[in-house]
Amino acid sequence: MTRVLQEHADNWDTFLRLRDEADMELGNLRGPLEDVSQKPRRSTNDAQQDFEALSAQREKTSILTDKIRQLQQICELLDPLESPRADIRFIDVDTEQLEKQYDDVLSDLSSEIEEENLLCDSMDHFNNEINSISDQLSKEPTRENLENIEKFQVPALRAQLAMLKEKQDEAKNSRKHVDTDSSRLAALEDRMKNLDSMLEDAKKAAERDE
């Protein structure tokens, strides 16, 4: 009987140790998640660093899965005690919630980083198109070319610029983590104004040459 009681006491001590280790690990893993979630919106580079750091922490949740498995094994030896089973249920639920929180934040980070990269690519493409039209205007285009630029190419650029502004406004209102670079859009708006001036100058020059 004494040996049985001692084994039971040892199992209980082991259970308590594993439970405390699991609680400590839960706390350790909550910290980085809370830190990232509470940060203000930041650049894509900073957000990417957070994504990589948080992904590494997410992998550590497997430690909790292993702890739960060990606790369940010890719990069988403590049967019919109910308190160990209740403790395991709490830890299991906390672990599932933590994993979901990690996955949600990582998903948001990934989506916002990709969205901002695509927006920047679109702005680069817009800038290249302005460069192309500016180059045409600097080479004394014919009246026919000027009409094509004025009636088709410039309106298409205006539509693109409006779409870029709409996407940036939406990003400002909806994102949690990644900030969007407003200065880039402002620079494109300035370039569009300069393009309008170049077009007017080119039209006047064409009229003088007639």
C-alpha atoms as a PDB file:
ATOM      1  CA  MET A   1       0.000   0.000   0.000  1.00  0.00           C
ATOM      2  CA  THR A   2       2.798   2.409   0.900  1.00  0.00           C
ATOM      3  CA  ARG A   3       4.463   1.840  -2.482  1.00  0.00           C
ATOM      4  CA  VAL A   4       1.187   2.474  -4.302  1.00  0.00           C
ATOM      5  CA  LEU A   5       0.628   5.691  -2.364  1.00  0.00           C
ATOM      6  CA  GLN A   6       4.170   6.812  -3.107  1.00  0.00           C
ATOM      7  CA  GLU A   7       3.709   6.151  -6.822  1.00  0.00           C
ATOM      8  CA  HIS A   8       0.468   8.107  -6.741  1.00  0.00           C
ATOM      9  CA  ALA A   9       2.199  11.006  -4.984  1.00  0.00           C
ATOM     10  CA  ASP A  10       5.056  10.919  -7.500  1.00  0.00           C
ATOM     11  CA  ASN A  11       2.602  10.923 -10.396  1.00  0.00           C
ATOM     12  CA  TRP A  12       0.766  13.859  -8.871  1.00  0.00           C
ATOM     13  CA  ASP A  13       4.016  15.795  -8.483  1.00  0.00           C
ATOM     14  CA  THR A  14       4.893  15.026 -12.094  1.00  0.00           C
ATOM     15  CA  PHE A  15       1.478  16.199 -13.210  1.00  0.00           C
ATOM     16  CA  LEU A  16       1.812  19.476 -11.304  1.00  0.00           C
ATOM     17  CA  ARG A  17       5.266  20.076 -12.768  1.00  0.00           C
ATOM     18  CA  LEU A  18       4.085  19.460 -16.323  1.00  0.00           C
ATOM     19  CA  ARG A  19       0.987  21.606 -15.786  1.00  0.00           C
ATOM     20  CA  ASP A  20       3.082  24.496 -14.484  1.00  0.00           C
ATOM     21  CA  GLU A  21       5.491  24.134 -17.403  1.00  0.00           C
ATOM     22  CA  ALA A  22       2.557  24.255 -19.823  1.00  0.00           C
ATOM     23  CA  ASP A  23       1.157  27.371 -18.124  1.00  0.00           C
ATOM     24  CA  MET A  24       4.574  29.018 -18.305  1.00  0.00           C
ATOM     25  CA  GLU A  25       4.953  28.151 -21.981  1.00  0.00           C
ATOM     26  CA  LEU A  26       1.503  29.603 -22.698  1.00  0.00           C
ATOM     27  CA  GLY A  27       2.606  32.843 -21.058  1.00  0.00           C
ATOM     28  CA  ASN A  28       5.884  32.875 -22.966  1.00  0.00           C
ATOM     29  CA  LEU A  29       4.082  32.447 -26.284  1.00  0.00           C
ATOM     30  CA  ARG A  30       1.414  35.052 -25.555  1.00  0.00           C
ATOM     31  CA  GLY A  31       4.050  37.769 -25.082  1.00  0.00           C
ATOM     32  CA  PRO A  32       5.382  38.013 -28.669  1.00  0.00           C
ATOM     33  CA  LEU A  33       1.856  37.759 -30.076  1.00  0.00           C
ATOM     34  CA  GLU A  34       0.602  40.621 -27.913  1.00  0.00           C
ATOM     35  CA  ASP A  35       3.658  42.733 -28.766  1.00  0.00           C
ATOM     36  CA  VAL A  36       3.068  42.401 -32.509  1.00  0.00           C
ATOM     37  CA  SER A  37      -0.699  42.877 -32.242  1.00  0.00           C
ATOM     38  CA  GLN A  38      -0.303  46.124 -30.293  1.00  0.00           C
ATOM     39  CA  LYS A  39       2.213  47.722 -32.656  1.00  0.00           C
ATOM     40  CA  PRO A  40       1.112  50.686 -34.780  1.00  0.00           C
ATOM     41  CA  ARG A  41       1.030  50.271 -38.538  1.00  0.00           C
ATOM     42  CA  ARG A  42       4.525  50.066 -39.987  1.00  0.00           C
ATOM     43  CA  SER A  43       6.502  49.589 -43.195  1.00  0.00           C
ATOM     44  CA  THR A  44       6.405  46.354 -45.160  1.00  0.00           C
ATOM     45  CA  ASN A  45      10.006  45.627 -44.133  1.00  0.00           C
ATOM     46  CA  ASP A  46       9.187  45.938 -40.431  1.00  0.00           C
ATOM     47  CA  ALA A  47       5.991  43.938 -40.884  1.00  0.00           C
ATOM     48  CA  GLN A  48       7.944  41.222 -42.714  1.00  0.00           C
ATOM     49  CA  GLN A  49      10.369  40.987 -39.795  1.00  0.00           C
ATOM     50  CA  ASP A  50       7.419  40.625 -37.419  1.00  0.00           C
ATOM     51  CA  PHE A  51       5.939  37.928 -39.653  1.00  0.00           C
ATOM     52  CA  GLU A  52       9.153  35.910 -39.635  1.00  0.00           C
ATOM     53  CA  ALA A  53       9.642  36.287 -35.872  1.00  0.00           C
ATOM     54  CA  LEU A  54       6.027  35.355 -35.166  1.00  0.00           C
ATOM     55  CA  SER A  55       6.198  32.349 -37.507  1.00  0.00           C
ATOM     56  CA  ALA A  56       9.139  31.030 -35.485  1.00  0.00           C
ATOM     57  CA  GLN A  57       7.151  31.483 -32.265  1.00  0.00           C
ATOM     58  CA  ARG A  58       4.128  29.742 -33.809  1.00  0.00           C
ATOM     59  CA  GLU A  59       6.211  26.629 -34.350  1.00  0.00           C
ATOM     60  CA  LYS A  60       6.898  26.511 -30.613  1.00  0.00           C
ATOM     61  CA  THR A  61       3.236  25.764 -29.908  1.00  0.00           C
ATOM     62  CA  SER A  62       4.170  22.154 -30.657  1.00  0.00           C
ATOM     63  CA  ILE A  63       5.829  22.203 -27.222  1.00  0.00           C
ATOM     64  CA  LEU A  64       2.376  22.688 -25.705  1.00  0.00           C
ATOM     65  CA  THR A  65       0.943  19.845 -27.759  1.00  0.00           C
ATOM     66  CA  ASP A  66       3.660  17.590 -26.377  1.00  0.00           C
ATOM     67  CA  LYS A  67       3.000  18.786 -22.813  1.00  0.00           C
ATOM     68  CA  ILE A  68      -0.706  18.025 -23.185  1.00  0.00           C
ATOM     69  CA  ARG A  69       0.106  14.520 -24.410  1.00  0.00           C
ATOM     70  CA  GLN A  70       2.352  13.939 -21.393  1.00  0.00           C
ATOM     71  CA  LEU A  71      -0.296  15.321 -19.041  1.00  0.00           C
ATOM     72  CA  GLN A  72      -2.907  12.987 -20.495  1.00  0.00           C
ATOM     73  CA  GLN A  73      -0.631  10.006 -19.912  1.00  0.00           C
ATOM     74  CA  ILE A  74      -0.063  10.986 -16.278  1.00  0.00           C
ATOM     75  CA  CYS A  75      -3.769  11.736 -15.872  1.00  0.00           C
ATOM     76  CA  GLU A  76      -4.591   8.116 -16.684  1.00  0.00           C
ATOM     77  CA  LEU A  77      -2.415   7.069 -13.751  1.00  0.00           C
ATOM     78  CA  LEU A  78      -4.264   9.489 -11.456  1.00  0.00           C
ATOM     79  CA  ASP A  79      -7.704   8.136 -12.328  1.00  0.00           C
ATOM     80  CA  PRO A  80     -10.350   8.661 -10.898  1.00  0.00           C
ATOM     81  CA  LEU A  81      -9.231  12.186  -9.897  1.00  0.00           C
ATOM     82  CA  GLU A  82     -11.237  14.795 -11.835  1.00  0.00           C
ATOM     83  CA  SER A  83      -9.136  17.899 -11.225  1.00  0.00           C
ATOM     84  CA  PRO A  84      -6.284  16.758 -13.530  1.00  0.00           C
ATOM     85  CA  ARG A  85      -8.752  16.230 -16.382  1.00  0.00           C
ATOM     86  CA  ALA A  86     -10.194  19.705 -15.828  1.00  0.00           C
ATOM     87  CA  ASP A  87      -6.713  21.230 -15.836  1.00  0.00           C
ATOM     88  CA  ILE A  88      -5.894  19.489 -19.115  1.00  0.00           C
ATOM     89  CA  ARG A  89      -9.115  20.728 -20.709  1.00  0.00           C
ATOM     90  CA  PHE A  90      -8.269  24.323 -19.754  1.00  0.00           C
ATOM     91  CA  ILE A  91      -4.734  24.027 -21.134  1.00  0.00           C
ATOM     92  CA  ASP A  92      -6.007  22.358 -24.298  1.00  0.00           C
ATOM     93  CA  VAL A  93      -8.560  25.122 -24.918  1.00  0.00           C
ATOM     94  CA  ASP A  94      -5.993  27.847 -24.185  1.00  0.00           C
ATOM     95  CA  THR A  95      -3.563  26.207 -26.609  1.00  0.00           C
ATOM     96  CA  GLU A  96      -6.161  25.999 -29.386  1.00  0.00           C
ATOM     97  CA  GLN A  97      -7.103  29.650 -28.875  1.00  0.00           C
ATOM     98  CA  LEU A  98      -3.460  30.715 -28.893  1.00  0.00           C
ATOM     99  CA  GLU A  99      -2.754  28.802 -32.102  1.00  0.00           C
ATOM    100  CA  LYS A 100      -5.782  30.412 -33.764  1.00  0.00           C
ATOM    101  CA  GLN A 101      -4.670  33.877 -32.627  1.00  0.00           C
ATOM    102  CA  TYR A 102      -1.212  33.253 -34.072  1.00  0.00           C
ATOM    103  CA  ASP A 103      -2.679  32.023 -37.342  1.00  0.00           C
ATOM    104  CA  ASP A 104      -5.050  35.001 -37.591  1.00  0.00           C
ATOM    105  CA  VAL A 105      -2.309  37.588 -37.012  1.00  0.00           C
ATOM    106  CA  LEU A 106       0.088  35.814 -39.384  1.00  0.00           C
ATOM    107  CA  SER A 107      -2.630  35.672 -42.040  1.00  0.00           C
ATOM    108  CA  ASP A 108      -3.364  39.394 -41.640  1.00  0.00           C
ATOM    109  CA  LEU A 109       0.337  40.256 -41.843  1.00  0.00           C
ATOM    110  CA  SER A 110       0.860  38.128 -44.937  1.00  0.00           C
ATOM    111  CA  SER A 111      -2.191  39.553 -46.723  1.00  0.00           C
ATOM    112  CA  GLU A 112      -1.331  43.171 -45.934  1.00  0.00           C
ATOM    113  CA  ILE A 113       2.320  42.763 -46.949  1.00  0.00           C
ATOM    114  CA  GLU A 114       1.301  41.199 -50.275  1.00  0.00           C
ATOM    115  CA  GLU A 115      -1.352  43.879 -50.817  1.00  0.00           C
ATOM    116  CA  GLU A 116       1.130  46.719 -50.241  1.00  0.00           C
ATOM    117  CA  ASN A 117       3.723  45.089 -52.513  1.00  0.00           C
ATOM    118  CA  LEU A 118       1.131  44.805 -55.288  1.00  0.00           C
ATOM    119  CA  LEU A 119       0.117  48.435 -54.763  1.00  0.00           C
ATOM    120  CA  CYS A 120       3.758  49.519 -55.026  1.00  0.00           C
ATOM    121  CA  ASP A 121       4.158  47.451 -58.204  1.00  0.00           C
ATOM    122  CA  SER A 122       1.108  49.198 -59.683  1.00  0.00           C
ATOM    123  CA  MET A 123       2.601  52.583 -58.803  1.00  0.00           C
ATOM    124  CA  ASP A 124       5.883  51.596 -60.450  1.00  0.00           C
ATOM    125  CA  HIS A 125       3.972  50.579 -63.580  1.00  0.00           C
ATOM    126  CA  PHE A 126       2.094  53.898 -63.550  1.00  0.00           C
ATOM    127  CA  ASN A 127       5.370  55.778 -63.197  1.00  0.00           C
ATOM    128  CA  ASN A 128       6.833  53.886 -66.162  1.00  0.00           C
ATOM    129  CA  GLU A 129       3.828  54.810 -68.297  1.00  0.00           C
ATOM    130  CA  ILE A 130       4.241  58.485 -67.417  1.00  0.00           C
ATOM    131  CA  ASN A 131       7.924  58.210 -68.364  1.00  0.00           C
ATOM    132  CA  SER A 132       6.950  56.741 -71.718  1.00  0.00           C
ATOM    133  CA  ILE A 133       4.423  59.484 -72.503  1.00  0.00           C
ATOM    134  CA  SER A 134       6.782  62.200 -71.278  1.00  0.00           C
ATOM    135  CA  ASP A 135       9.424  60.809 -73.618  1.00  0.00           C
ATOM    136  CA  GLN A 136       6.971  60.972 -76.537  1.00  0.00           C
ATOM    137  CA  LEU A 137       6.065  64.578 -75.719  1.00  0.00           C
ATOM    138  CA  SER A 138       9.712  65.624 -75.551  1.00  0.00           C
ATOM    139  CA  LYS A 139      10.303  64.480 -79.148  1.00  0.00           C
ATOM    140  CA  GLU A 140       7.982  66.951 -80.895  1.00  0.00           C
ATOM    141  CA  PRO A 141       5.136  64.519 -81.639  1.00  0.00           C
ATOM    142  CA  THR A 142       2.801  64.999 -84.593  1.00  0.00           C
ATOM    143  CA  ARG A 143      -0.712  66.363 -84.111  1.00  0.00           C
ATOM    144  CA  GLU A 144      -2.039  62.838 -84.618  1.00  0.00           C
ATOM    145  CA  ASN A 145       0.204  61.512 -81.845  1.00  0.00           C
ATOM    146  CA  LEU A 146      -0.829  64.379 -79.568  1.00  0.00           C
ATOM    147  CA  GLU A 147      -4.501  63.593 -80.130  1.00  0.00           C
ATOM    148  CA  ASN A 148      -3.861  59.956 -79.273  1.00  0.00           C
ATOM    149  CA  ILE A 149      -2.066  60.954 -76.074  1.00  0.00           C
ATOM    150  CA  GLU A 150      -4.755  63.469 -75.081  1.00  0.00           C
ATOM    151  CA  LYS A 151      -7.810  61.342 -75.903  1.00  0.00           C
ATOM    152  CA  PHE A 152      -6.632  57.888 -74.892  1.00  0.00           C
ATOM    153  CA  GLN A 153      -3.357  57.653 -72.996  1.00  0.00           C
ATOM    154  CA  VAL A 154      -3.861  60.501 -70.517  1.00  0.00           C
ATOM    155  CA  PRO A 155      -7.471  59.522 -69.616  1.00  0.00           C
ATOM    156  CA  ALA A 156      -6.264  55.945 -69.064  1.00  0.00           C
ATOM    157  CA  LEU A 157      -3.589  57.279 -66.720  1.00  0.00           C
ATOM    158  CA  ARG A 158      -6.159  59.353 -64.833  1.00  0.00           C
ATOM    159  CA  ALA A 159      -8.316  56.263 -64.351  1.00  0.00           C
ATOM    160  CA  GLN A 160      -5.311  54.331 -63.061  1.00  0.00           C
ATOM    161  CA  LEU A 161      -4.412  57.145 -60.680  1.00  0.00           C
ATOM    162  CA  ALA A 162      -7.971  57.256 -59.330  1.00  0.00           C
ATOM    163  CA  MET A 163      -7.875  53.488 -58.801  1.00  0.00           C
ATOM    164  CA  LEU A 164      -4.533  53.739 -56.980  1.00  0.00           C
ATOM    165  CA  LYS A 165      -5.917  56.465 -54.715  1.00  0.00           C
ATOM    166  CA  GLU A 166      -8.998  54.376 -53.983  1.00  0.00           C
ATOM    167  CA  LYS A 167      -6.865  51.367 -53.075  1.00  0.00           C
ATOM    168  CA  GLN A 168      -4.624  53.459 -50.852  1.00  0.00           C
ATOM    169  CA  ASP A 169      -7.596  55.040 -49.051  1.00  0.00           C
ATOM    170  CA  GLU A 170      -9.064  51.588 -48.499  1.00  0.00           C
ATOM    171  CA  ALA A 171      -5.725  50.382 -47.113  1.00  0.00           C
ATOM    172  CA  LYS A 172      -5.568  53.295 -44.677  1.00  0.00           C
ATOM    173  CA  ASN A 173      -9.040  52.508 -43.372  1.00  0.00           C
ATOM    174  CA  SER A 174      -8.843  48.728 -43.152  1.00  0.00           C
ATOM    175  CA  ARG A 175      -5.292  47.617 -42.362  1.00  0.00           C
ATOM    176  CA  LYS A 176      -4.059  46.669 -38.906  1.00  0.00           C
ATOM    177  CA  HIS A 177      -0.337  46.167 -39.426  1.00  0.00           C
ATOM    178  CA  VAL A 178       1.109  47.534 -42.674  1.00  0.00           C
ATOM    179  CA  ASP A 179       1.221  51.254 -43.374  1.00  0.00           C
ATOM    180  CA  THR A 180       0.916  52.502 -46.934  1.00  0.00           C
ATOM    181  CA  ASP A 181       3.341  55.089 -48.312  1.00  0.00           C
ATOM    182  CA  SER A 182       1.212  58.170 -49.067  1.00  0.00           C
ATOM    183  CA  SER A 183       4.234  60.082 -50.362  1.00  0.00           C
ATOM    184  CA  ARG A 184       4.483  57.817 -53.405  1.00  0.00           C
ATOM    185  CA  LEU A 185       0.938  58.594 -54.510  1.00  0.00           C
ATOM    186  CA  ALA A 186       1.500  62.317 -53.909  1.00  0.00           C
ATOM    187  CA  ALA A 187       4.582  62.149 -56.132  1.00  0.00           C
ATOM    188  CA  LEU A 188       2.563  60.462 -58.882  1.00  0.00           C
ATOM    189  CA  GLU A 189      -0.124  63.141 -58.634  1.00  0.00           C
ATOM    190  CA  ASP A 190       2.576  65.794 -59.081  1.00  0.00           C
ATOM    191  CA  ARG A 191       3.962  63.938 -62.083  1.00  0.00           C
ATOM    192  CA  MET A 192       0.472  63.806 -63.573  1.00  0.00           C
ATOM    193  CA  LYS A 193       0.188  67.597 -63.264  1.00  0.00           C
ATOM    194  CA  ASN A 194       3.580  67.989 -64.908  1.00  0.00           C
ATOM    195  CA  LEU A 195       2.461  65.690 -67.712  1.00  0.00           C
ATOM    196  CA  ASP A 196      -0.610  67.875 -68.287  1.00  0.00           C
ATOM    197  CA  SER A 197       1.678  70.907 -68.573  1.00  0.00           C
ATOM    198  CA  MET A 198       3.969  69.081 -70.995  1.00  0.00           C
ATOM    199  CA  LEU A 199       0.977  68.114 -73.122  1.00  0.00           C
ATOM    200  CA  GLU A 200      -0.267  71.704 -73.288  1.00  0.00           C
ATOM    201  CA  ASP A 201       3.207  72.944 -74.205  1.00  0.00           C
ATOM    202  CA  ALA A 202       3.525  70.277 -76.902  1.00  0.00           C
ATOM    203  CA  LYS A 203       0.122  71.226 -78.365  1.00  0.00           C
ATOM    204  CA  LYS A 204       1.095  74.901 -78.498  1.00  0.00           C
ATOM    205  CA  ALA A 205       4.394  74.038 -80.141  1.00  0.00           C
ATOM    206  CA  ALA A 206       2.587  71.915 -82.732  1.00  0.00           C
ATOM    207  CA  GLU A 207       0.200  74.784 -83.502  1.00  0.00           C
ATOM    208  CA  ARG A 208       3.102  77.183 -84.014  1.00  0.00           C
ATOM    209  CA  ASP A 209       4.793  74.779 -86.394  1.00  0.00           C
ATOM    210  CA  GLU A 210       1.751  74.495 -88.628  1.00  0.00           C
END
